[in-house]
Each structure stands twice: as structure tokens, then as C-alpha cells.
Amino acid sequence: MLIVDTGPIVALLNRNDPDHKSCAELLESHNGELLITPYVLTEACYLLAKYVSRTRRSISSKPWPRRTSSRCPPREPISPA
């Protein structure tokens, strides 16, 4: 499982991002599940919407990687300290 933060998502969807190619290659070549939290998706959507007027033409039309998981991981009980 690969935990994905906001930066690689934005880079994947923005062809003008300097890290677009490396992020796209990494995310597409990873064979396991991708874990993306709701907080990361919210931040990525905010950043893409904020700059959409500047980057509308550069946003990739490629679909999300196939192995993306939108489920939340199971919560582990918190032990008292």
C-alpha cells in the first residue's frame, strides 16, 4: 500500500507541474493499493479549483490510477498512555 499526499495528486493532474512525469510514472507503476485520505482529496480539490483558471488546459484527462482505494483504513483502538 502506498500512502499518497496532496502534492503527487496535484502533480499527476497538472501537466505543467515539474513533478508531473515522475508522479505519473510512480502512481501508474505501483502494483499495490493507493491510500488517499479524505483530507488529502479535499486539499487537492481546493488547490486545483483555486488555480483552475491558470491550469485548465494543463489538467490531465487521464483517469485515476486503477488501484485507488477510497475506503478508510480500520481504526485501531487507542491505548491509554
PDB file of N, CA and C in Angstrom:
ATOM      1  N   MET A   1       0.848  -1.172   0.000  1.00  0.00           N
ATOM      2  CA  MET A   1       0.000   0.000   0.000  1.00  0.00           C
ATOM      3  C   MET A   1       0.894   1.237   0.000  1.00  0.00           C
ATOM      4  N   LEU A   2       0.526   2.194  -0.815  1.00  0.00           N
ATOM      5  CA  LEU A   2       1.264   3.451  -0.909  1.00  0.00           C
ATOM      6  C   LEU A   2       0.355   4.572  -0.419  1.00  0.00           C
ATOM      7  N   ILE A   3       0.805   5.317   0.577  1.00  0.00           N
ATOM      8  CA  ILE A   3       0.041   6.450   1.091  1.00  0.00           C
ATOM      9  C   ILE A   3       0.399   7.664   0.243  1.00  0.00           C
ATOM     10  N   VAL A   4      -0.618   8.286  -0.355  1.00  0.00           N
ATOM     11  CA  VAL A   4      -0.396   9.391  -1.289  1.00  0.00           C
ATOM     12  C   VAL A   4      -0.841  10.701  -0.651  1.00  0.00           C
ATOM     13  N   ASP A   5       0.024  11.703  -0.701  1.00  0.00           N
ATOM     14  CA  ASP A   5      -0.284  13.025  -0.169  1.00  0.00           C
ATOM     15  C   ASP A   5      -0.759  13.932  -1.307  1.00  0.00           C
ATOM     16  N   THR A   6      -1.073  15.164  -0.978  1.00  0.00           N
ATOM     17  CA  THR A   6      -1.649  16.117  -1.924  1.00  0.00           C
ATOM     18  C   THR A   6      -0.745  16.426  -3.110  1.00  0.00           C
ATOM     19  N   GLY A   7       0.530  16.636  -2.868  1.00  0.00           N
ATOM     20  CA  GLY A   7       1.453  17.043  -3.929  1.00  0.00           C
ATOM     21  C   GLY A   7       1.456  16.132  -5.140  1.00  0.00           C
ATOM     22  N   PRO A   8       1.600  14.828  -4.955  1.00  0.00           N
ATOM     23  CA  PRO A   8       1.591  13.939  -6.115  1.00  0.00           C
ATOM     24  C   PRO A   8       0.263  13.921  -6.873  1.00  0.00           C
ATOM     25  N   ILE A   9      -0.853  14.112  -6.169  1.00  0.00           N
ATOM     26  CA  ILE A   9      -2.149  14.151  -6.857  1.00  0.00           C
ATOM     27  C   ILE A   9      -2.225  15.381  -7.746  1.00  0.00           C
ATOM     28  N   VAL A  10      -1.839  16.526  -7.195  1.00  0.00           N
ATOM     29  CA  VAL A  10      -1.860  17.766  -7.978  1.00  0.00           C
ATOM     30  C   VAL A  10      -0.888  17.656  -9.150  1.00  0.00           C
ATOM     31  N   ALA A  11       0.291  17.107  -8.907  1.00  0.00           N
ATOM     32  CA  ALA A  11       1.275  16.943  -9.982  1.00  0.00           C
ATOM     33  C   ALA A  11       0.767  15.988 -11.057  1.00  0.00           C
ATOM     34  N   LEU A  12       0.078  14.930 -10.653  1.00  0.00           N
ATOM     35  CA  LEU A  12      -0.471  13.976 -11.613  1.00  0.00           C
ATOM     36  C   LEU A  12      -1.479  14.643 -12.540  1.00  0.00           C
ATOM     37  N   LEU A  13      -2.302  15.518 -11.991  1.00  0.00           N
ATOM     38  CA  LEU A  13      -3.369  16.146 -12.773  1.00  0.00           C
ATOM     39  C   LEU A  13      -2.947  17.418 -13.490  1.00  0.00           C
ATOM     40  N   ASN A  14      -1.778  17.951 -13.166  1.00  0.00           N
ATOM     41  CA  ASN A  14      -1.311  19.194 -13.780  1.00  0.00           C
ATOM     42  C   ASN A  14      -0.062  18.901 -14.615  1.00  0.00           C
ATOM     43  N   ARG A  15      -0.222  18.850 -15.916  1.00  0.00           N
ATOM     44  CA  ARG A  15       0.903  18.525 -16.805  1.00  0.00           C
ATOM     45  C   ARG A  15       2.033  19.546 -16.738  1.00  0.00           C
ATOM     46  N   ASN A  16       1.760  20.753 -16.286  1.00  0.00           N
ATOM     47  CA  ASN A  16       2.799  21.782 -16.186  1.00  0.00           C
ATOM     48  C   ASN A  16       3.605  21.675 -14.895  1.00  0.00           C
ATOM     49  N   ASP A  17       3.189  20.836 -13.983  1.00  0.00           N
ATOM     50  CA  ASP A  17       3.918  20.673 -12.723  1.00  0.00           C
ATOM     51  C   ASP A  17       5.264  20.013 -13.007  1.00  0.00           C
ATOM     52  N   PRO A  18       6.343  20.532 -12.414  1.00  0.00           N
ATOM     53  CA  PRO A  18       7.669  19.944 -12.664  1.00  0.00           C
ATOM     54  C   PRO A  18       7.761  18.462 -12.278  1.00  0.00           C
ATOM     55  N   ASP A  19       6.916  18.019 -11.361  1.00  0.00           N
ATOM     56  CA  ASP A  19       6.952  16.628 -10.908  1.00  0.00           C
ATOM     57  C   ASP A  19       5.902  15.743 -11.583  1.00  0.00           C
ATOM     58  N   HIS A  20       5.211  16.275 -12.598  1.00  0.00           N
ATOM     59  CA  HIS A  20       4.132  15.520 -13.247  1.00  0.00           C
ATOM     60  C   HIS A  20       4.600  14.158 -13.753  1.00  0.00           C
ATOM     61  N   LYS A  21       5.660  14.139 -14.515  1.00  0.00           N
ATOM     62  CA  LYS A  21       6.106  12.893 -15.145  1.00  0.00           C
ATOM     63  C   LYS A  21       6.499  11.849 -14.100  1.00  0.00           C
ATOM     64  N   SER A  22       7.297  12.250 -13.115  1.00  0.00           N
ATOM     65  CA  SER A  22       7.748  11.274 -12.114  1.00  0.00           C
ATOM     66  C   SER A  22       6.590  10.771 -11.254  1.00  0.00           C
ATOM     67  N   CYS A  23       5.653  11.654 -10.911  1.00  0.00           N
ATOM     68  CA  CYS A  23       4.497  11.220 -10.116  1.00  0.00           C
ATOM     69  C   CYS A  23       3.594  10.295 -10.921  1.00  0.00           C
ATOM     70  N   ALA A  24       3.368  10.628 -12.181  1.00  0.00           N
ATOM     71  CA  ALA A  24       2.539   9.775 -13.035  1.00  0.00           C
ATOM     72  C   ALA A  24       3.168   8.394 -13.190  1.00  0.00           C
ATOM     73  N   GLU A  25       4.472   8.349 -13.409  1.00  0.00           N
ATOM     74  CA  GLU A  25       5.161   7.058 -13.562  1.00  0.00           C
ATOM     75  C   GLU A  25       5.083   6.234 -12.279  1.00  0.00           C
ATOM     76  N   LEU A  26       5.307   6.880 -11.141  1.00  0.00           N
ATOM     77  CA  LEU A  26       5.258   6.168  -9.867  1.00  0.00           C
ATOM     78  C   LEU A  26       3.862   5.623  -9.589  1.00  0.00           C
ATOM     79  N   LEU A  27       2.849   6.475  -9.723  1.00  0.00           N
ATOM     80  CA  LEU A  27       1.494   6.052  -9.393  1.00  0.00           C
ATOM     81  C   LEU A  27       0.971   4.988 -10.349  1.00  0.00           C
ATOM     82  N   GLU A  28       1.364   5.063 -11.607  1.00  0.00           N
ATOM     83  CA  GLU A  28       0.891   4.071 -12.568  1.00  0.00           C
ATOM     84  C   GLU A  28       1.660   2.757 -12.476  1.00  0.00           C
ATOM     85  N   SER A  29       2.888   2.796 -11.995  1.00  0.00           N
ATOM     86  CA  SER A  29       3.684   1.568 -11.918  1.00  0.00           C
ATOM     87  C   SER A  29       3.514   0.831 -10.588  1.00  0.00           C
ATOM     88  N   HIS A  30       2.958   1.495  -9.594  1.00  0.00           N
ATOM     89  CA  HIS A  30       2.772   0.867  -8.280  1.00  0.00           C
ATOM     90  C   HIS A  30       1.712  -0.227  -8.387  1.00  0.00           C
ATOM     91  N   ASN A  31       2.043  -1.435  -7.940  1.00  0.00           N
ATOM     92  CA  ASN A  31       1.132  -2.570  -8.078  1.00  0.00           C
ATOM     93  C   ASN A  31       0.158  -2.729  -6.917  1.00  0.00           C
ATOM     94  N   GLY A  32       0.427  -2.099  -5.801  1.00  0.00           N
ATOM     95  CA  GLY A  32      -0.453  -2.235  -4.639  1.00  0.00           C
ATOM     96  C   GLY A  32      -1.548  -1.183  -4.637  1.00  0.00           C
ATOM     97  N   GLU A  33      -2.286  -1.147  -3.536  1.00  0.00           N
ATOM     98  CA  GLU A  33      -3.340  -0.154  -3.388  1.00  0.00           C
ATOM     99  C   GLU A  33      -2.736   1.213  -3.083  1.00  0.00           C
ATOM    100  N   LEU A  34      -3.480   2.248  -3.443  1.00  0.00           N
ATOM    101  CA  LEU A  34      -3.116   3.615  -3.093  1.00  0.00           C
ATOM    102  C   LEU A  34      -4.085   4.072  -2.010  1.00  0.00           C
ATOM    103  N   LEU A  35      -3.557   4.602  -0.928  1.00  0.00           N
ATOM    104  CA  LEU A  35      -4.394   5.107   0.149  1.00  0.00           C
ATOM    105  C   LEU A  35      -4.364   6.630   0.102  1.00  0.00           C
ATOM    106  N   ILE A  36      -5.532   7.220  -0.126  1.00  0.00           N
ATOM    107  CA  ILE A  36      -5.668   8.675  -0.188  1.00  0.00           C
ATOM    108  C   ILE A  36      -6.757   9.053   0.806  1.00  0.00           C
ATOM    109  N   THR A  37      -6.406   9.849   1.808  1.00  0.00           N
ATOM    110  CA  THR A  37      -7.385  10.205   2.838  1.00  0.00           C
ATOM    111  C   THR A  37      -8.342  11.274   2.319  1.00  0.00           C
ATOM    112  N   PRO A  38      -9.504  11.394   2.941  1.00  0.00           N
ATOM    113  CA  PRO A  38     -10.437  12.458   2.551  1.00  0.00           C
ATOM    114  C   PRO A  38      -9.827  13.854   2.702  1.00  0.00           C
ATOM    115  N   TYR A  39      -8.940  14.021   3.682  1.00  0.00           N
ATOM    116  CA  TYR A  39      -8.300  15.326   3.885  1.00  0.00           C
ATOM    117  C   TYR A  39      -7.403  15.684   2.697  1.00  0.00           C
ATOM    118  N   VAL A  40      -6.688  14.694   2.202  1.00  0.00           N
ATOM    119  CA  VAL A  40      -5.808  14.909   1.052  1.00  0.00           C
ATOM    120  C   VAL A  40      -6.637  15.221  -0.190  1.00  0.00           C
ATOM    121  N   LEU A  41      -7.721  14.485  -0.408  1.00  0.00           N
ATOM    122  CA  LEU A  41      -8.586  14.763  -1.562  1.00  0.00           C
ATOM    123  C   LEU A  41      -9.175  16.167  -1.485  1.00  0.00           C
ATOM    124  N   THR A  42      -9.587  16.563  -0.280  1.00  0.00           N
ATOM    125  CA  THR A  42     -10.144  17.905  -0.100  1.00  0.00           C
ATOM    126  C   THR A  42      -9.112  18.973  -0.438  1.00  0.00           C
ATOM    127  N   GLU A  43      -7.898  18.802   0.053  1.00  0.00           N
ATOM    128  CA  GLU A  43      -6.844  19.782  -0.223  1.00  0.00           C
ATOM    129  C   GLU A  43      -6.495  19.815  -1.708  1.00  0.00           C
ATOM    130  N   ALA A  44      -6.416  18.650  -2.338  1.00  0.00           N
ATOM    131  CA  ALA A  44      -6.100  18.597  -3.769  1.00  0.00           C
ATOM    132  C   ALA A  44      -7.193  19.277  -4.588  1.00  0.00           C
ATOM    133  N   CYS A  45      -8.448  19.019  -4.246  1.00  0.00           N
ATOM    134  CA  CYS A  45      -9.560  19.663  -4.961  1.00  0.00           C
ATOM    135  C   CYS A  45      -9.522  21.176  -4.778  1.00  0.00           C
ATOM    136  N   TYR A  46      -9.222  21.622  -3.558  1.00  0.00           N
ATOM    137  CA  TYR A  46      -9.123  23.057  -3.294  1.00  0.00           C
ATOM    138  C   TYR A  46      -8.031  23.691  -4.151  1.00  0.00           C
ATOM    139  N   LEU A  47      -6.858  23.083  -4.157  1.00  0.00           N
ATOM    140  CA  LEU A  47      -5.740  23.652  -4.919  1.00  0.00           C
ATOM    141  C   LEU A  47      -6.024  23.655  -6.418  1.00  0.00           C
ATOM    142  N   LEU A  48      -6.601  22.576  -6.923  1.00  0.00           N
ATOM    143  CA  LEU A  48      -6.917  22.527  -8.354  1.00  0.00           C
ATOM    144  C   LEU A  48      -7.984  23.555  -8.711  1.00  0.00           C
ATOM    145  N   ALA A  49      -8.995  23.710  -7.852  1.00  0.00           N
ATOM    146  CA  ALA A  49     -10.044  24.701  -8.119  1.00  0.00           C
ATOM    147  C   ALA A  49      -9.505  26.122  -8.020  1.00  0.00           C
ATOM    148  N   LYS A  50      -8.603  26.358  -7.082  1.00  0.00           N
ATOM    149  CA  LYS A  50      -8.039  27.699  -6.888  1.00  0.00           C
ATOM    150  C   LYS A  50      -7.268  28.161  -8.120  1.00  0.00           C
ATOM    151  N   TYR A  51      -6.574  27.235  -8.756  1.00  0.00           N
ATOM    152  CA  TYR A  51      -5.740  27.594  -9.895  1.00  0.00           C
ATOM    153  C   TYR A  51      -6.303  27.113 -11.225  1.00  0.00           C
ATOM    154  N   VAL A  52      -7.583  26.719 -11.256  1.00  0.00           N
ATOM    155  CA  VAL A  52      -8.151  26.146 -12.479  1.00  0.00           C
ATOM    156  C   VAL A  52      -8.122  27.126 -13.642  1.00  0.00           C
ATOM    157  N   SER A  53      -8.283  28.411 -13.379  1.00  0.00           N
ATOM    158  CA  SER A  53      -8.261  29.370 -14.487  1.00  0.00           C
ATOM    159  C   SER A  53      -6.889  29.415 -15.152  1.00  0.00           C
ATOM    160  N   ARG A  54      -5.841  29.166 -14.369  1.00  0.00           N
ATOM    161  CA  ARG A  54      -4.493  29.174 -14.930  1.00  0.00           C
ATOM    162  C   ARG A  54      -4.092  27.826 -15.514  1.00  0.00           C
ATOM    163  N   THR A  55      -4.653  26.765 -14.969  1.00  0.00           N
ATOM    164  CA  THR A  55      -4.177  25.439 -15.368  1.00  0.00           C
ATOM    165  C   THR A  55      -5.225  24.598 -16.081  1.00  0.00           C
ATOM    166  N   ARG A  56      -6.345  25.191 -16.449  1.00  0.00           N
ATOM    167  CA  ARG A  56      -7.431  24.423 -17.056  1.00  0.00           C
ATOM    168  C   ARG A  56      -6.949  23.567 -18.215  1.00  0.00           C
ATOM    169  N   ARG A  57      -6.126  24.117 -19.080  1.00  0.00           N
ATOM    170  CA  ARG A  57      -5.668  23.367 -20.245  1.00  0.00           C
ATOM    171  C   ARG A  57      -4.582  22.352 -19.904  1.00  0.00           C
ATOM    172  N   SER A  58      -3.965  22.502 -18.738  1.00  0.00           N
ATOM    173  CA  SER A  58      -2.875  21.586 -18.400  1.00  0.00           C
ATOM    174  C   SER A  58      -3.328  20.401 -17.556  1.00  0.00           C
ATOM    175  N   ILE A  59      -4.579  20.405 -17.116  1.00  0.00           N
ATOM    176  CA  ILE A  59      -5.047  19.300 -16.289  1.00  0.00           C
ATOM    177  C   ILE A  59      -5.194  18.057 -17.147  1.00  0.00           C
ATOM    178  N   SER A  60      -4.613  17.008 -16.690  1.00  0.00           N
ATOM    179  CA  SER A  60      -4.597  15.754 -17.440  1.00  0.00           C
ATOM    180  C   SER A  60      -5.994  15.175 -17.567  1.00  0.00           C
ATOM    181  N   SER A  61      -6.274  14.607 -18.720  1.00  0.00           N
ATOM    182  CA  SER A  61      -7.564  13.953 -18.924  1.00  0.00           C
ATOM    183  C   SER A  61      -7.478  12.468 -18.607  1.00  0.00           C
ATOM    184  N   LYS A  62      -6.317  12.032 -18.119  1.00  0.00           N
ATOM    185  CA  LYS A  62      -6.149  10.626 -17.784  1.00  0.00           C
ATOM    186  C   LYS A  62      -6.976  10.282 -16.547  1.00  0.00           C
ATOM    187  N   PRO A  63      -7.538   9.074 -16.514  1.00  0.00           N
ATOM    188  CA  PRO A  63      -8.300   8.666 -15.332  1.00  0.00           C
ATOM    189  C   PRO A  63      -7.378   8.405 -14.146  1.00  0.00           C
ATOM    190  N   TRP A  64      -7.959   8.320 -12.969  1.00  0.00           N
ATOM    191  CA  TRP A  64      -7.201   7.993 -11.767  1.00  0.00           C
ATOM    192  C   TRP A  64      -6.604   6.608 -11.924  1.00  0.00           C
ATOM    193  N   PRO A  65      -5.491   6.354 -11.258  1.00  0.00           N
ATOM    194  CA  PRO A  65      -4.926   5.001 -11.294  1.00  0.00           C
ATOM    195  C   PRO A  65      -5.972   3.975 -10.854  1.00  0.00           C
ATOM    196  N   ARG A  66      -5.955   2.815 -11.460  1.00  0.00           N
ATOM    197  CA  ARG A  66      -6.978   1.795 -11.223  1.00  0.00           C
ATOM    198  C   ARG A  66      -7.024   1.284  -9.796  1.00  0.00           C
ATOM    199  N   ARG A  67      -5.931   1.256  -9.113  1.00  0.00           N
ATOM    200  CA  ARG A  67      -5.898   0.638  -7.798  1.00  0.00           C
ATOM    201  C   ARG A  67      -6.113   1.631  -6.658  1.00  0.00           C
ATOM    202  N   THR A  68      -6.756   2.741  -6.931  1.00  0.00           N
ATOM    203  CA  THR A  68      -7.008   3.723  -5.887  1.00  0.00           C
ATOM    204  C   THR A  68      -8.104   3.211  -4.961  1.00  0.00           C
ATOM    205  N   SER A  69      -7.874   3.308  -3.676  1.00  0.00           N
ATOM    206  CA  SER A  69      -8.862   2.869  -2.695  1.00  0.00           C
ATOM    207  C   SER A  69      -9.450   4.089  -2.014  1.00  0.00           C
ATOM    208  N   SER A  70     -10.761   4.173  -1.999  1.00  0.00           N
ATOM    209  CA  SER A  70     -11.400   5.311  -1.346  1.00  0.00           C
ATOM    210  C   SER A  70     -11.926   4.933   0.033  1.00  0.00           C
ATOM    211  N   ARG A  71     -11.635   3.723   0.457  1.00  0.00           N
ATOM    212  CA  ARG A  71     -12.117   3.300   1.770  1.00  0.00           C
ATOM    213  C   ARG A  71     -11.155   3.773   2.857  1.00  0.00           C
ATOM    214  N   CYS A  72     -11.691   3.989   4.016  1.00  0.00           N
ATOM    215  CA  CYS A  72     -10.865   4.399   5.150  1.00  0.00           C
ATOM    216  C   CYS A  72     -10.254   3.159   5.784  1.00  0.00           C
ATOM    217  N   PRO A  73      -9.012   3.261   6.238  1.00  0.00           N
ATOM    218  CA  PRO A  73      -8.407   2.110   6.906  1.00  0.00           C
ATOM    219  C   PRO A  73      -9.107   1.849   8.235  1.00  0.00           C
ATOM    220  N   PRO A  74      -9.082   0.610   8.719  1.00  0.00           N
ATOM    221  CA  PRO A  74      -9.730   0.330  10.006  1.00  0.00           C
ATOM    222  C   PRO A  74      -9.052   1.110  11.127  1.00  0.00           C
ATOM    223  N   ARG A  75      -9.852   1.576  12.042  1.00  0.00           N
ATOM    224  CA  ARG A  75      -9.303   2.318  13.183  1.00  0.00           C
ATOM    225  C   ARG A  75      -8.790   1.337  14.220  1.00  0.00           C
ATOM    226  N   GLU A  76      -7.633   1.641  14.738  1.00  0.00           N
ATOM    227  CA  GLU A  76      -7.075   0.817  15.806  1.00  0.00           C
ATOM    228  C   GLU A  76      -7.407   1.481  17.135  1.00  0.00           C
ATOM    229  N   PRO A  77      -7.712   0.679  18.150  1.00  0.00           N
ATOM    230  CA  PRO A  77      -8.016   1.284  19.450  1.00  0.00           C
ATOM    231  C   PRO A  77      -6.805   2.041  19.986  1.00  0.00           C
ATOM    232  N   ILE A  78      -7.075   3.139  20.647  1.00  0.00           N
ATOM    233  CA  ILE A  78      -6.005   3.949  21.237  1.00  0.00           C
ATOM    234  C   ILE A  78      -5.810   3.488  22.675  1.00  0.00           C
ATOM    235  N   SER A  79      -4.595   3.098  22.984  1.00  0.00           N
ATOM    236  CA  SER A  79      -4.282   2.636  24.345  1.00  0.00           C
ATOM    237  C   SER A  79      -3.966   3.827  25.230  1.00  0.00           C
ATOM    238  N   PRO A  80      -4.421   3.791  26.484  1.00  0.00           N
ATOM    239  CA  PRO A  80      -4.068   4.884  27.393  1.00  0.00           C
ATOM    240  C   PRO A  80      -2.564   4.909  27.632  1.00  0.00           C
ATOM    241  N   ALA A  81      -2.014   6.097  27.753  1.00  0.00           N
ATOM    242  CA  ALA A  81      -0.562   6.244  27.942  1.00  0.00           C
ATOM    243  C   ALA A  81      -0.146   5.927  29.346  1.00  0.00           C
TER     244      ALA A  81
END
